[in-house]
Amino acid sequence: MLTNDTKESKCYLENSVLDLSIGDIAVRIEPLKKQSTIMEAFLRFMKDEKISLIPVVENNVVIGQVQRNRFLEHTVLGRFGYGIHLNAKKSIFEVMEQPTFIIDYNLTLEDASMIIQKREFRNIYDDIIINRFNEYYGVVPINVLLEAITHRSIIIARDANPLTGLPGNWAIQREIDRQIKSKFSFDICYIDINHFKPYNDFYGFEKGDRVISCLGNILREQERVFSDIFIGHIGGDDFIVICKVRQADEICERIVKAFDEFLPSFHGDDFVRGYYISKNRKEEEETFSLLSLTCAIVSTENRNITSFAHLASIASEVKSETKRLSRINKGSVIFRDRRNEY
């Protein structure tokens, strides 16, 4: 059983994994100098079997690399087994390879893995050289990168909503923090279903789950149309869309239109009547209109949002106003906060 201390420690470690950059998992491998000898490189590999790649530097700037297997096969052994004798007087500069990839310290694990996938097959398992401030920093063994990505994927998968498979609150907060740090303006849209509880009570939880799943799929579809869009499931019937500035209105219009097309399926015979009767939160019978959406948009273009907590406070006000408008209109509402706060 986890104690409070170990729970807090576990939570800290998991959050740390989520926020790792490629440089955070780098190890320091002492580089070879341009003038280093082939024998020096050979002895380094023989002394430590865990080293599979050694960078070559000049004034701490990476100019090449020596990869264990290829170096031992081609330079030390050679075609007829005389490689070390033929190459003994050469410097490492004469036999080194060009670096497979040099990646900046601050690159995310995802971005780093995408870059690595583009390299040639012969270099697919090469360790990754890391630069910081344009100088050599360290090396990331490929197995270490894969372990970090796998661990991170497990944490994110565990956080994902089981009904929609969309990222949950950890991923949402991380994405918002990342966007804020980027200093670029962006839109955030909070989406929920109007009168979802009475719908659940009247039609049953199975149908309610189908509505949630359907809305999740509609949101996912927007990823095919809009680039750099993030879709998250806060919980229940609450969703979030994070996108480029001035893009949220169009996205919301598409979502509302697609959602409305499912209303006959959601309501059956009640769709023709345009309403149904169920109990409200006071357990009193009330007439409810068909399901609709509330889309509350907040933008950093006209607000100086400094943190996730700050955004949550602003969003709460905007969502309340959007809900008020939806009650008046008795249908879906898209409302953008246009107040300035600088």
C-alpha atoms as a PDB file:
ATOM      1  CA  MET A   1       0.000   0.000   0.000  1.00  0.00           C
ATOM      2  CA  LEU A   2       1.225   3.509  -0.849  1.00  0.00           C
ATOM      3  CA  THR A   3       1.606   5.954   2.025  1.00  0.00           C
ATOM      4  CA  ASN A   4       0.763   9.641   1.521  1.00  0.00           C
ATOM      5  CA  ASP A   5       4.473  10.370   1.074  1.00  0.00           C
ATOM      6  CA  THR A   6       4.974   7.663  -1.534  1.00  0.00           C
ATOM      7  CA  LYS A   7       1.782   8.706  -3.325  1.00  0.00           C
ATOM      8  CA  GLU A   8       3.057  12.282  -3.555  1.00  0.00           C
ATOM      9  CA  SER A   9       6.461  11.056  -4.713  1.00  0.00           C
ATOM     10  CA  LYS A  10       4.848   8.802  -7.351  1.00  0.00           C
ATOM     11  CA  CYS A  11       2.663  11.676  -8.581  1.00  0.00           C
ATOM     12  CA  TYR A  12       5.732  13.962  -8.802  1.00  0.00           C
ATOM     13  CA  LEU A  13       7.679  11.379 -10.788  1.00  0.00           C
ATOM     14  CA  GLU A  14       4.799  10.814 -13.195  1.00  0.00           C
ATOM     15  CA  ASN A  15       4.374  14.542 -13.780  1.00  0.00           C
ATOM     16  CA  SER A  16       8.141  14.795 -14.275  1.00  0.00           C
ATOM     17  CA  VAL A  17       8.027  12.122 -16.983  1.00  0.00           C
ATOM     18  CA  LEU A  18       5.219  13.996 -18.725  1.00  0.00           C
ATOM     19  CA  ASP A  19       7.307  17.177 -18.825  1.00  0.00           C
ATOM     20  CA  LEU A  20      10.633  15.657 -19.896  1.00  0.00           C
ATOM     21  CA  SER A  21      12.629  17.101 -22.744  1.00  0.00           C
ATOM     22  CA  ILE A  22      15.110  14.972 -24.705  1.00  0.00           C
ATOM     23  CA  GLY A  23      17.987  16.622 -22.837  1.00  0.00           C
ATOM     24  CA  ASP A  24      16.618  15.528 -19.462  1.00  0.00           C
ATOM     25  CA  ILE A  25      17.376  11.873 -20.243  1.00  0.00           C
ATOM     26  CA  ALA A  26      20.815  12.462 -21.788  1.00  0.00           C
ATOM     27  CA  VAL A  27      23.956  10.892 -20.312  1.00  0.00           C
ATOM     28  CA  ARG A  28      27.402  12.417 -20.513  1.00  0.00           C
ATOM     29  CA  ILE A  29      29.754  10.450 -22.776  1.00  0.00           C
ATOM     30  CA  GLU A  30      33.188  12.047 -22.859  1.00  0.00           C
ATOM     31  CA  PRO A  31      33.715  13.024 -26.509  1.00  0.00           C
ATOM     32  CA  LEU A  32      36.767  12.387 -28.665  1.00  0.00           C
ATOM     33  CA  LYS A  33      38.770  15.327 -29.931  1.00  0.00           C
ATOM     34  CA  LYS A  34      39.391  15.900 -33.616  1.00  0.00           C
ATOM     35  CA  GLN A  35      43.025  14.892 -33.157  1.00  0.00           C
ATOM     36  CA  SER A  36      42.302  11.767 -31.064  1.00  0.00           C
ATOM     37  CA  THR A  37      43.800   8.541 -32.370  1.00  0.00           C
ATOM     38  CA  ILE A  38      41.975   5.468 -33.610  1.00  0.00           C
ATOM     39  CA  MET A  39      43.645   3.439 -30.868  1.00  0.00           C
ATOM     40  CA  GLU A  40      42.226   5.824 -28.266  1.00  0.00           C
ATOM     41  CA  ALA A  41      38.707   5.271 -29.610  1.00  0.00           C
ATOM     42  CA  PHE A  42      39.266   1.507 -29.757  1.00  0.00           C
ATOM     43  CA  LEU A  43      40.378   1.379 -26.122  1.00  0.00           C
ATOM     44  CA  ARG A  44      37.361   3.455 -25.026  1.00  0.00           C
ATOM     45  CA  PHE A  45      35.008   0.918 -26.593  1.00  0.00           C
ATOM     46  CA  MET A  46      36.925  -2.025 -25.135  1.00  0.00           C
ATOM     47  CA  LYS A  47      36.970  -0.504 -21.663  1.00  0.00           C
ATOM     48  CA  ASP A  48      33.216   0.146 -21.524  1.00  0.00           C
ATOM     49  CA  GLU A  49      30.946  -2.215 -23.453  1.00  0.00           C
ATOM     50  CA  LYS A  50      27.913  -0.036 -22.686  1.00  0.00           C
ATOM     51  CA  ILE A  51      29.187   2.772 -24.919  1.00  0.00           C
ATOM     52  CA  SER A  52      27.795   2.413 -28.424  1.00  0.00           C
ATOM     53  CA  LEU A  53      28.492   5.890 -29.801  1.00  0.00           C
ATOM     54  CA  ILE A  54      31.128   8.543 -29.087  1.00  0.00           C
ATOM     55  CA  PRO A  55      30.784  12.075 -30.474  1.00  0.00           C
ATOM     56  CA  VAL A  56      33.801  13.827 -31.991  1.00  0.00           C
ATOM     57  CA  VAL A  57      34.151  17.511 -31.126  1.00  0.00           C
ATOM     58  CA  GLU A  58      36.237  20.550 -31.934  1.00  0.00           C
ATOM     59  CA  ASN A  59      35.996  23.351 -29.371  1.00  0.00           C
ATOM     60  CA  ASN A  60      33.052  21.407 -27.908  1.00  0.00           C
ATOM     61  CA  VAL A  61      31.132  21.621 -31.205  1.00  0.00           C
ATOM     62  CA  VAL A  62      30.128  18.240 -32.636  1.00  0.00           C
ATOM     63  CA  ILE A  63      31.780  17.545 -35.991  1.00  0.00           C
ATOM     64  CA  GLY A  64      31.363  13.768 -36.202  1.00  0.00           C
ATOM     65  CA  GLN A  65      30.621  10.503 -34.456  1.00  0.00           C
ATOM     66  CA  VAL A  66      32.106   7.036 -33.986  1.00  0.00           C
ATOM     67  CA  GLN A  67      29.561   4.208 -33.773  1.00  0.00           C
ATOM     68  CA  ARG A  68      30.809   1.038 -32.036  1.00  0.00           C
ATOM     69  CA  ASN A  69      29.727  -1.714 -34.443  1.00  0.00           C
ATOM     70  CA  ARG A  70      30.602   0.084 -37.665  1.00  0.00           C
ATOM     71  CA  PHE A  71      33.891   1.385 -36.245  1.00  0.00           C
ATOM     72  CA  LEU A  72      35.013  -2.051 -35.040  1.00  0.00           C
ATOM     73  CA  GLU A  73      33.911  -3.753 -38.259  1.00  0.00           C
ATOM     74  CA  HIS A  74      35.281  -1.317 -40.824  1.00  0.00           C
ATOM     75  CA  THR A  75      38.146   0.505 -39.108  1.00  0.00           C
ATOM     76  CA  VAL A  76      39.510  -1.899 -36.481  1.00  0.00           C
ATOM     77  CA  LEU A  77      38.875  -5.231 -38.198  1.00  0.00           C
ATOM     78  CA  GLY A  78      38.756  -4.218 -41.853  1.00  0.00           C
ATOM     79  CA  ARG A  79      38.069  -6.359 -44.872  1.00  0.00           C
ATOM     80  CA  PHE A  80      40.866  -8.874 -44.243  1.00  0.00           C
ATOM     81  CA  GLY A  81      41.353  -8.383 -40.503  1.00  0.00           C
ATOM     82  CA  TYR A  82      44.218  -5.874 -40.792  1.00  0.00           C
ATOM     83  CA  GLY A  83      42.212  -2.705 -40.227  1.00  0.00           C
ATOM     84  CA  ILE A  84      43.851  -1.675 -36.971  1.00  0.00           C
ATOM     85  CA  HIS A  85      47.330  -2.009 -38.526  1.00  0.00           C
ATOM     86  CA  LEU A  86      46.420  -0.112 -41.674  1.00  0.00           C
ATOM     87  CA  ASN A  87      44.648   2.671 -39.801  1.00  0.00           C
ATOM     88  CA  ALA A  88      46.795   2.854 -36.661  1.00  0.00           C
ATOM     89  CA  LYS A  89      48.429   6.178 -37.562  1.00  0.00           C
ATOM     90  CA  LYS A  90      45.249   7.886 -38.683  1.00  0.00           C
ATOM     91  CA  SER A  91      43.379  10.373 -36.530  1.00  0.00           C
ATOM     92  CA  ILE A  92      39.747   9.805 -35.649  1.00  0.00           C
ATOM     93  CA  PHE A  93      38.925  12.796 -37.857  1.00  0.00           C
ATOM     94  CA  GLU A  94      39.933  10.738 -40.925  1.00  0.00           C
ATOM     95  CA  VAL A  95      37.562   7.831 -40.227  1.00  0.00           C
ATOM     96  CA  MET A  96      34.683   9.375 -38.270  1.00  0.00           C
ATOM     97  CA  GLU A  97      31.138   9.472 -39.637  1.00  0.00           C
ATOM     98  CA  GLN A  98      28.955  12.540 -40.014  1.00  0.00           C
ATOM     99  CA  PRO A  99      26.543  12.798 -37.076  1.00  0.00           C
ATOM    100  CA  THR A 100      23.305  10.892 -37.691  1.00  0.00           C
ATOM    101  CA  PHE A 101      21.264  13.472 -35.804  1.00  0.00           C
ATOM    102  CA  ILE A 102      22.066  16.312 -33.444  1.00  0.00           C
ATOM    103  CA  ILE A 103      19.010  17.296 -31.412  1.00  0.00           C
ATOM    104  CA  ASP A 104      18.548  20.327 -29.182  1.00  0.00           C
ATOM    105  CA  TYR A 105      18.271  19.764 -25.438  1.00  0.00           C
ATOM    106  CA  ASN A 106      14.826  21.397 -25.150  1.00  0.00           C
ATOM    107  CA  LEU A 107      13.055  19.334 -27.806  1.00  0.00           C
ATOM    108  CA  THR A 108      10.139  17.270 -26.480  1.00  0.00           C
ATOM    109  CA  LEU A 109      10.303  13.476 -26.464  1.00  0.00           C
ATOM    110  CA  GLU A 110       7.549  13.323 -29.092  1.00  0.00           C
ATOM    111  CA  ASP A 111       9.276  15.753 -31.455  1.00  0.00           C
ATOM    112  CA  ALA A 112      12.593  13.968 -30.987  1.00  0.00           C
ATOM    113  CA  SER A 113      11.065  10.566 -31.771  1.00  0.00           C
ATOM    114  CA  MET A 114       9.423  11.981 -34.923  1.00  0.00           C
ATOM    115  CA  ILE A 115      12.790  13.279 -36.141  1.00  0.00           C
ATOM    116  CA  ILE A 116      14.544   9.997 -35.364  1.00  0.00           C
ATOM    117  CA  GLN A 117      12.023   8.018 -37.404  1.00  0.00           C
ATOM    118  CA  LYS A 118      13.217   9.848 -40.532  1.00  0.00           C
ATOM    119  CA  ARG A 119      16.794   8.597 -40.407  1.00  0.00           C
ATOM    120  CA  GLU A 120      18.182   5.913 -42.691  1.00  0.00           C
ATOM    121  CA  PHE A 121      17.778   2.243 -41.785  1.00  0.00           C
ATOM    122  CA  ARG A 122      21.513   1.734 -41.166  1.00  0.00           C
ATOM    123  CA  ASN A 123      21.398   4.441 -38.491  1.00  0.00           C
ATOM    124  CA  ILE A 124      18.063   3.506 -36.931  1.00  0.00           C
ATOM    125  CA  TYR A 125      19.590   2.262 -33.661  1.00  0.00           C
ATOM    126  CA  ASP A 126      22.296   4.918 -33.324  1.00  0.00           C
ATOM    127  CA  ASP A 127      22.364   6.830 -30.063  1.00  0.00           C
ATOM    128  CA  ILE A 128      21.253  10.454 -30.281  1.00  0.00           C
ATOM    129  CA  ILE A 129      23.671  13.348 -29.819  1.00  0.00           C
ATOM    130  CA  ILE A 130      22.287  16.235 -27.759  1.00  0.00           C
ATOM    131  CA  ASN A 131      23.342  19.876 -28.086  1.00  0.00           C
ATOM    132  CA  ARG A 132      22.689  22.637 -25.591  1.00  0.00           C
ATOM    133  CA  PHE A 133      23.354  26.259 -26.589  1.00  0.00           C
ATOM    134  CA  ASN A 134      24.853  24.868 -29.838  1.00  0.00           C
ATOM    135  CA  GLU A 135      27.520  22.901 -27.972  1.00  0.00           C
ATOM    136  CA  TYR A 136      27.849  19.198 -27.163  1.00  0.00           C
ATOM    137  CA  TYR A 137      25.903  18.218 -24.034  1.00  0.00           C
ATOM    138  CA  GLY A 138      25.468  14.441 -23.989  1.00  0.00           C
ATOM    139  CA  VAL A 139      24.059  11.324 -25.645  1.00  0.00           C
ATOM    140  CA  VAL A 140      20.691   9.599 -25.382  1.00  0.00           C
ATOM    141  CA  PRO A 141      20.862   5.818 -25.908  1.00  0.00           C
ATOM    142  CA  ILE A 142      17.965   4.741 -28.130  1.00  0.00           C
ATOM    143  CA  ASN A 143      16.701   2.238 -25.518  1.00  0.00           C
ATOM    144  CA  VAL A 144      16.527   5.009 -22.902  1.00  0.00           C
ATOM    145  CA  LEU A 145      14.423   7.145 -25.243  1.00  0.00           C
ATOM    146  CA  LEU A 146      12.070   4.237 -25.980  1.00  0.00           C
ATOM    147  CA  GLU A 147      11.657   3.487 -22.263  1.00  0.00           C
ATOM    148  CA  ALA A 148      10.858   7.138 -21.487  1.00  0.00           C
ATOM    149  CA  ILE A 149       8.312   7.358 -24.321  1.00  0.00           C
ATOM    150  CA  THR A 150       6.705   4.059 -23.284  1.00  0.00           C
ATOM    151  CA  HIS A 151       6.465   5.145 -19.636  1.00  0.00           C
ATOM    152  CA  ARG A 152       4.981   8.467 -20.678  1.00  0.00           C
ATOM    153  CA  SER A 153       2.474   6.775 -23.010  1.00  0.00           C
ATOM    154  CA  ILE A 154       1.313   4.493 -20.194  1.00  0.00           C
ATOM    155  CA  ILE A 155       0.698   7.483 -17.907  1.00  0.00           C
ATOM    156  CA  ILE A 156      -1.204   9.375 -20.607  1.00  0.00           C
ATOM    157  CA  ALA A 157      -3.238   6.278 -21.538  1.00  0.00           C
ATOM    158  CA  ARG A 158      -4.187   5.779 -17.881  1.00  0.00           C
ATOM    159  CA  ASP A 159      -5.305   9.428 -17.750  1.00  0.00           C
ATOM    160  CA  ALA A 160      -7.378   9.145 -20.947  1.00  0.00           C
ATOM    161  CA  ASN A 161     -11.151   9.011 -20.625  1.00  0.00           C
ATOM    162  CA  PRO A 162     -12.283   5.364 -20.871  1.00  0.00           C
ATOM    163  CA  LEU A 163     -15.434   6.227 -22.854  1.00  0.00           C
ATOM    164  CA  THR A 164     -13.929   8.453 -25.556  1.00  0.00           C
ATOM    165  CA  GLY A 165     -10.210   7.618 -25.324  1.00  0.00           C
ATOM    166  CA  LEU A 166      -9.478  11.350 -25.385  1.00  0.00           C
ATOM    167  CA  PRO A 167      -6.711  12.861 -23.211  1.00  0.00           C
ATOM    168  CA  GLY A 168      -7.750  13.687 -19.642  1.00  0.00           C
ATOM    169  CA  ASN A 169      -6.943  16.446 -17.201  1.00  0.00           C
ATOM    170  CA  TRP A 170      -3.173  15.871 -16.888  1.00  0.00           C
ATOM    171  CA  ALA A 171      -2.685  16.120 -20.638  1.00  0.00           C
ATOM    172  CA  ILE A 172      -5.050  19.101 -20.872  1.00  0.00           C
ATOM    173  CA  GLN A 173      -3.179  21.065 -18.210  1.00  0.00           C
ATOM    174  CA  ARG A 174       0.181  20.224 -19.789  1.00  0.00           C
ATOM    175  CA  GLU A 175      -1.007  21.372 -23.210  1.00  0.00           C
ATOM    176  CA  ILE A 176      -2.347  24.663 -21.846  1.00  0.00           C
ATOM    177  CA  ASP A 177       0.883  25.281 -19.913  1.00  0.00           C
ATOM    178  CA  ARG A 178       2.873  24.495 -23.064  1.00  0.00           C
ATOM    179  CA  GLN A 179       0.793  26.912 -25.124  1.00  0.00           C
ATOM    180  CA  ILE A 180       1.163  29.677 -22.532  1.00  0.00           C
ATOM    181  CA  LYS A 181       4.946  29.218 -22.446  1.00  0.00           C
ATOM    182  CA  SER A 182       5.125  29.371 -26.252  1.00  0.00           C
ATOM    183  CA  LYS A 183       4.033  33.058 -26.099  1.00  0.00           C
ATOM    184  CA  PHE A 184       1.826  32.539 -29.168  1.00  0.00           C
ATOM    185  CA  SER A 185      -1.876  33.417 -28.942  1.00  0.00           C
ATOM    186  CA  PHE A 186      -4.366  30.547 -28.985  1.00  0.00           C
ATOM    187  CA  ASP A 187      -8.082  29.829 -28.526  1.00  0.00           C
ATOM    188  CA  ILE A 188      -9.623  27.561 -25.911  1.00  0.00           C
ATOM    189  CA  CYS A 189     -13.170  26.319 -26.276  1.00  0.00           C
ATOM    190  CA  TYR A 190     -15.060  24.588 -23.474  1.00  0.00           C
ATOM    191  CA  ILE A 191     -17.884  22.408 -24.784  1.00  0.00           C
ATOM    192  CA  ASP A 192     -20.624  20.697 -22.790  1.00  0.00           C
ATOM    193  CA  ILE A 193     -24.079  19.260 -23.424  1.00  0.00           C
ATOM    194  CA  ASN A 194     -27.086  21.218 -22.227  1.00  0.00           C
ATOM    195  CA  HIS A 195     -29.457  19.343 -19.867  1.00  0.00           C
ATOM    196  CA  PHE A 196     -27.424  16.152 -20.060  1.00  0.00           C
ATOM    197  CA  LYS A 197     -28.449  14.899 -16.597  1.00  0.00           C
ATOM    198  CA  PRO A 198     -32.218  14.907 -17.294  1.00  0.00           C
ATOM    199  CA  TYR A 199     -31.480  13.247 -20.654  1.00  0.00           C
ATOM    200  CA  ASN A 200     -29.588  10.502 -18.821  1.00  0.00           C
ATOM    201  CA  ASP A 201     -32.390  10.070 -16.304  1.00  0.00           C
ATOM    202  CA  PHE A 202     -35.109   9.909 -18.973  1.00  0.00           C
ATOM    203  CA  TYR A 203     -33.444   7.878 -21.745  1.00  0.00           C
ATOM    204  CA  GLY A 204     -31.051   5.821 -19.632  1.00  0.00           C
ATOM    205  CA  PHE A 205     -27.297   5.752 -19.047  1.00  0.00           C
ATOM    206  CA  GLU A 206     -26.598   3.543 -22.049  1.00  0.00           C
ATOM    207  CA  LYS A 207     -28.008   6.181 -24.381  1.00  0.00           C
ATOM    208  CA  GLY A 208     -26.217   8.873 -22.383  1.00  0.00           C
ATOM    209  CA  ASP A 209     -22.895   7.096 -22.892  1.00  0.00           C
ATOM    210  CA  ARG A 210     -23.660   6.862 -26.605  1.00  0.00           C
ATOM    211  CA  VAL A 211     -24.177  10.627 -26.760  1.00  0.00           C
ATOM    212  CA  ILE A 212     -20.842  11.259 -24.982  1.00  0.00           C
ATOM    213  CA  SER A 213     -19.036   8.815 -27.266  1.00  0.00           C
ATOM    214  CA  CYS A 214     -20.632  10.381 -30.351  1.00  0.00           C
ATOM    215  CA  LEU A 215     -19.577  13.890 -29.333  1.00  0.00           C
ATOM    216  CA  GLY A 216     -16.049  12.600 -28.681  1.00  0.00           C
ATOM    217  CA  ASN A 217     -15.931  11.192 -32.227  1.00  0.00           C
ATOM    218  CA  ILE A 218     -17.205  14.472 -33.679  1.00  0.00           C
ATOM    219  CA  LEU A 219     -14.422  16.317 -31.864  1.00  0.00           C
ATOM    220  CA  ARG A 220     -11.824  13.845 -33.124  1.00  0.00           C
ATOM    221  CA  GLU A 221     -13.001  14.455 -36.680  1.00  0.00           C
ATOM    222  CA  GLN A 222     -11.880  18.076 -36.386  1.00  0.00           C
ATOM    223  CA  GLU A 223      -8.286  16.877 -36.103  1.00  0.00           C
ATOM    224  CA  ARG A 224      -8.521  15.766 -39.733  1.00  0.00           C
ATOM    225  CA  VAL A 225      -9.486  19.270 -40.846  1.00  0.00           C
ATOM    226  CA  PHE A 226      -7.516  21.606 -38.583  1.00  0.00           C
ATOM    227  CA  SER A 227      -3.788  21.380 -37.893  1.00  0.00           C
ATOM    228  CA  ASP A 228      -2.243  21.885 -34.448  1.00  0.00           C
ATOM    229  CA  ILE A 229      -5.516  21.210 -32.637  1.00  0.00           C
ATOM    230  CA  PHE A 230      -5.773  19.547 -29.229  1.00  0.00           C
ATOM    231  CA  ILE A 231      -8.939  17.734 -28.107  1.00  0.00           C
ATOM    232  CA  GLY A 232      -9.413  16.790 -24.452  1.00  0.00           C
ATOM    233  CA  HIS A 233     -12.159  15.220 -22.310  1.00  0.00           C
ATOM    234  CA  ILE A 234     -12.388  16.946 -18.936  1.00  0.00           C
ATOM    235  CA  GLY A 235     -14.967  14.438 -17.709  1.00  0.00           C
ATOM    236  CA  GLY A 236     -18.678  13.664 -17.991  1.00  0.00           C
ATOM    237  CA  ASP A 237     -20.122  15.814 -20.773  1.00  0.00           C
ATOM    238  CA  ASP A 238     -17.331  18.427 -20.560  1.00  0.00           C
ATOM    239  CA  PHE A 239     -14.789  18.689 -23.375  1.00  0.00           C
ATOM    240  CA  ILE A 240     -12.083  21.136 -24.387  1.00  0.00           C
ATOM    241  CA  VAL A 241     -10.610  22.215 -27.728  1.00  0.00           C
ATOM    242  CA  ILE A 242      -7.311  24.110 -27.920  1.00  0.00           C
ATOM    243  CA  CYS A 243      -6.491  25.545 -31.322  1.00  0.00           C
ATOM    244  CA  LYS A 244      -4.911  28.411 -33.235  1.00  0.00           C
ATOM    245  CA  VAL A 245      -6.187  31.885 -32.504  1.00  0.00           C
ATOM    246  CA  ARG A 246      -9.446  32.856 -34.316  1.00  0.00           C
ATOM    247  CA  GLN A 247     -10.065  29.251 -35.287  1.00  0.00           C
ATOM    248  CA  ALA A 248     -12.410  28.179 -32.483  1.00  0.00           C
ATOM    249  CA  ASP A 249     -15.595  29.728 -33.944  1.00  0.00           C
ATOM    250  CA  GLU A 250     -15.356  27.718 -37.159  1.00  0.00           C
ATOM    251  CA  ILE A 251     -14.492  24.538 -35.261  1.00  0.00           C
ATOM    252  CA  CYS A 252     -17.477  25.006 -32.929  1.00  0.00           C
ATOM    253  CA  GLU A 253     -19.824  25.628 -35.840  1.00  0.00           C
ATOM    254  CA  ARG A 254     -18.730  22.362 -37.419  1.00  0.00           C
ATOM    255  CA  ILE A 255     -19.167  20.504 -34.116  1.00  0.00           C
ATOM    256  CA  VAL A 256     -22.665  21.902 -33.495  1.00  0.00           C
ATOM    257  CA  LYS A 257     -23.764  21.099 -37.062  1.00  0.00           C
ATOM    258  CA  ALA A 258     -22.482  17.500 -36.819  1.00  0.00           C
ATOM    259  CA  PHE A 259     -24.042  17.035 -33.361  1.00  0.00           C
ATOM    260  CA  ASP A 260     -27.452  18.272 -34.565  1.00  0.00           C
ATOM    261  CA  GLU A 261     -27.467  15.621 -37.281  1.00  0.00           C
ATOM    262  CA  PHE A 262     -27.576  12.946 -34.571  1.00  0.00           C
ATOM    263  CA  LEU A 263     -30.556  14.420 -32.709  1.00  0.00           C
ATOM    264  CA  PRO A 264     -33.170  12.167 -34.403  1.00  0.00           C
ATOM    265  CA  SER A 265     -31.137   9.167 -33.283  1.00  0.00           C
ATOM    266  CA  PHE A 266     -30.643  10.546 -29.761  1.00  0.00           C
ATOM    267  CA  HIS A 267     -34.323  11.363 -29.164  1.00  0.00           C
ATOM    268  CA  GLY A 268     -36.329   8.966 -31.315  1.00  0.00           C
ATOM    269  CA  ASP A 269     -40.015   9.936 -31.465  1.00  0.00           C
ATOM    270  CA  ASP A 270     -39.402  12.920 -29.189  1.00  0.00           C
ATOM    271  CA  PHE A 271     -37.377  14.559 -31.965  1.00  0.00           C
ATOM    272  CA  VAL A 272     -40.570  15.332 -33.909  1.00  0.00           C
ATOM    273  CA  ARG A 273     -42.200  16.890 -30.831  1.00  0.00           C
ATOM    274  CA  GLY A 274     -39.046  18.866 -30.153  1.00  0.00           C
ATOM    275  CA  TYR A 275     -39.044  18.220 -26.405  1.00  0.00           C
ATOM    276  CA  TYR A 276     -39.314  15.589 -23.654  1.00  0.00           C
ATOM    277  CA  ILE A 277     -40.420  15.652 -20.024  1.00  0.00           C
ATOM    278  CA  SER A 278     -38.019  14.605 -17.297  1.00  0.00           C
ATOM    279  CA  LYS A 279     -37.116  15.526 -13.740  1.00  0.00           C
ATOM    280  CA  ASN A 280     -34.867  18.501 -13.043  1.00  0.00           C
ATOM    281  CA  ARG A 281     -32.264  18.760 -10.297  1.00  0.00           C
ATOM    282  CA  LYS A 282     -35.027  19.509  -7.780  1.00  0.00           C
ATOM    283  CA  GLU A 283     -36.721  16.237  -8.732  1.00  0.00           C
ATOM    284  CA  GLU A 284     -39.578  18.203 -10.295  1.00  0.00           C
ATOM    285  CA  GLU A 285     -41.017  17.345 -13.711  1.00  0.00           C
ATOM    286  CA  GLU A 286     -39.944  19.819 -16.359  1.00  0.00           C
ATOM    287  CA  THR A 287     -40.166  20.118 -20.124  1.00  0.00           C
ATOM    288  CA  PHE A 288     -36.750  20.008 -21.763  1.00  0.00           C
ATOM    289  CA  SER A 289     -35.800  20.917 -25.295  1.00  0.00           C
ATOM    290  CA  LEU A 290     -33.677  18.575 -27.430  1.00  0.00           C
ATOM    291  CA  LEU A 291     -29.996  18.143 -26.619  1.00  0.00           C
ATOM    292  CA  SER A 292     -27.786  21.057 -27.605  1.00  0.00           C
ATOM    293  CA  LEU A 293     -24.262  22.276 -27.006  1.00  0.00           C
ATOM    294  CA  THR A 294     -22.711  25.134 -25.086  1.00  0.00           C
ATOM    295  CA  CYS A 295     -19.442  26.345 -26.627  1.00  0.00           C
ATOM    296  CA  ALA A 296     -17.618  28.935 -24.516  1.00  0.00           C
ATOM    297  CA  ILE A 297     -14.537  30.429 -26.190  1.00  0.00           C
ATOM    298  CA  VAL A 298     -11.670  32.179 -24.420  1.00  0.00           C
ATOM    299  CA  SER A 299      -8.686  33.547 -26.355  1.00  0.00           C
ATOM    300  CA  THR A 300      -5.257  34.635 -25.204  1.00  0.00           C
ATOM    301  CA  GLU A 301      -5.299  37.141 -28.057  1.00  0.00           C
ATOM    302  CA  ASN A 302      -7.298  39.617 -25.991  1.00  0.00           C
ATOM    303  CA  ARG A 303      -6.459  38.380 -22.491  1.00  0.00           C
ATOM    304  CA  ASN A 304      -3.125  38.143 -20.713  1.00  0.00           C
ATOM    305  CA  ILE A 305      -3.534  34.597 -19.396  1.00  0.00           C
ATOM    306  CA  THR A 306      -0.570  33.655 -17.224  1.00  0.00           C
ATOM    307  CA  SER A 307      -1.386  30.175 -15.926  1.00  0.00           C
ATOM    308  CA  PHE A 308      -3.761  27.236 -16.073  1.00  0.00           C
ATOM    309  CA  ALA A 309      -5.459  28.419 -12.849  1.00  0.00           C
ATOM    310  CA  HIS A 310      -5.908  31.902 -14.293  1.00  0.00           C
ATOM    311  CA  LEU A 311      -7.514  30.441 -17.410  1.00  0.00           C
ATOM    312  CA  ALA A 312      -9.832  28.221 -15.342  1.00  0.00           C
ATOM    313  CA  SER A 313     -11.073  31.277 -13.417  1.00  0.00           C
ATOM    314  CA  ILE A 314     -11.830  33.227 -16.610  1.00  0.00           C
ATOM    315  CA  ALA A 315     -13.396  30.195 -18.289  1.00  0.00           C
ATOM    316  CA  SER A 316     -15.783  29.692 -15.377  1.00  0.00           C
ATOM    317  CA  GLU A 317     -17.243  33.182 -15.935  1.00  0.00           C
ATOM    318  CA  VAL A 318     -17.503  32.717 -19.700  1.00  0.00           C
ATOM    319  CA  LYS A 319     -19.143  29.294 -19.363  1.00  0.00           C
ATOM    320  CA  SER A 320     -21.741  30.733 -16.970  1.00  0.00           C
ATOM    321  CA  GLU A 321     -22.651  33.450 -19.454  1.00  0.00           C
ATOM    322  CA  THR A 322     -22.820  30.928 -22.301  1.00  0.00           C
ATOM    323  CA  LYS A 323     -25.141  28.700 -20.257  1.00  0.00           C
ATOM    324  CA  ARG A 324     -27.394  31.694 -19.562  1.00  0.00           C
ATOM    325  CA  LEU A 325     -27.647  32.398 -23.279  1.00  0.00           C
ATOM    326  CA  SER A 326     -28.387  28.765 -24.059  1.00  0.00           C
ATOM    327  CA  ARG A 327     -31.302  28.793 -21.604  1.00  0.00           C
ATOM    328  CA  ILE A 328     -32.733  31.842 -23.359  1.00  0.00           C
ATOM    329  CA  ASN A 329     -32.208  30.457 -26.866  1.00  0.00           C
ATOM    330  CA  LYS A 330     -33.172  26.866 -25.908  1.00  0.00           C
ATOM    331  CA  GLY A 331     -30.527  25.565 -28.292  1.00  0.00           C
ATOM    332  CA  SER A 332     -26.816  25.443 -29.012  1.00  0.00           C
ATOM    333  CA  VAL A 333     -24.821  28.602 -28.324  1.00  0.00           C
ATOM    334  CA  ILE A 334     -21.310  29.603 -29.403  1.00  0.00           C
ATOM    335  CA  PHE A 335     -20.095  32.487 -27.292  1.00  0.00           C
ATOM    336  CA  ARG A 336     -16.683  34.157 -27.509  1.00  0.00           C
ATOM    337  CA  ASP A 337     -15.393  36.264 -24.627  1.00  0.00           C
ATOM    338  CA  ARG A 338     -14.443  39.618 -26.153  1.00  0.00           C
ATOM    339  CA  ARG A 339     -13.465  41.466 -23.002  1.00  0.00           C
ATOM    340  CA  ASN A 340      -9.921  42.822 -22.780  1.00  0.00           C
ATOM    341  CA  GLU A 341      -7.727  42.337 -19.755  1.00  0.00           C
ATOM    342  CA  TYR A 342      -4.279  43.833 -20.146  1.00  0.00           C
END
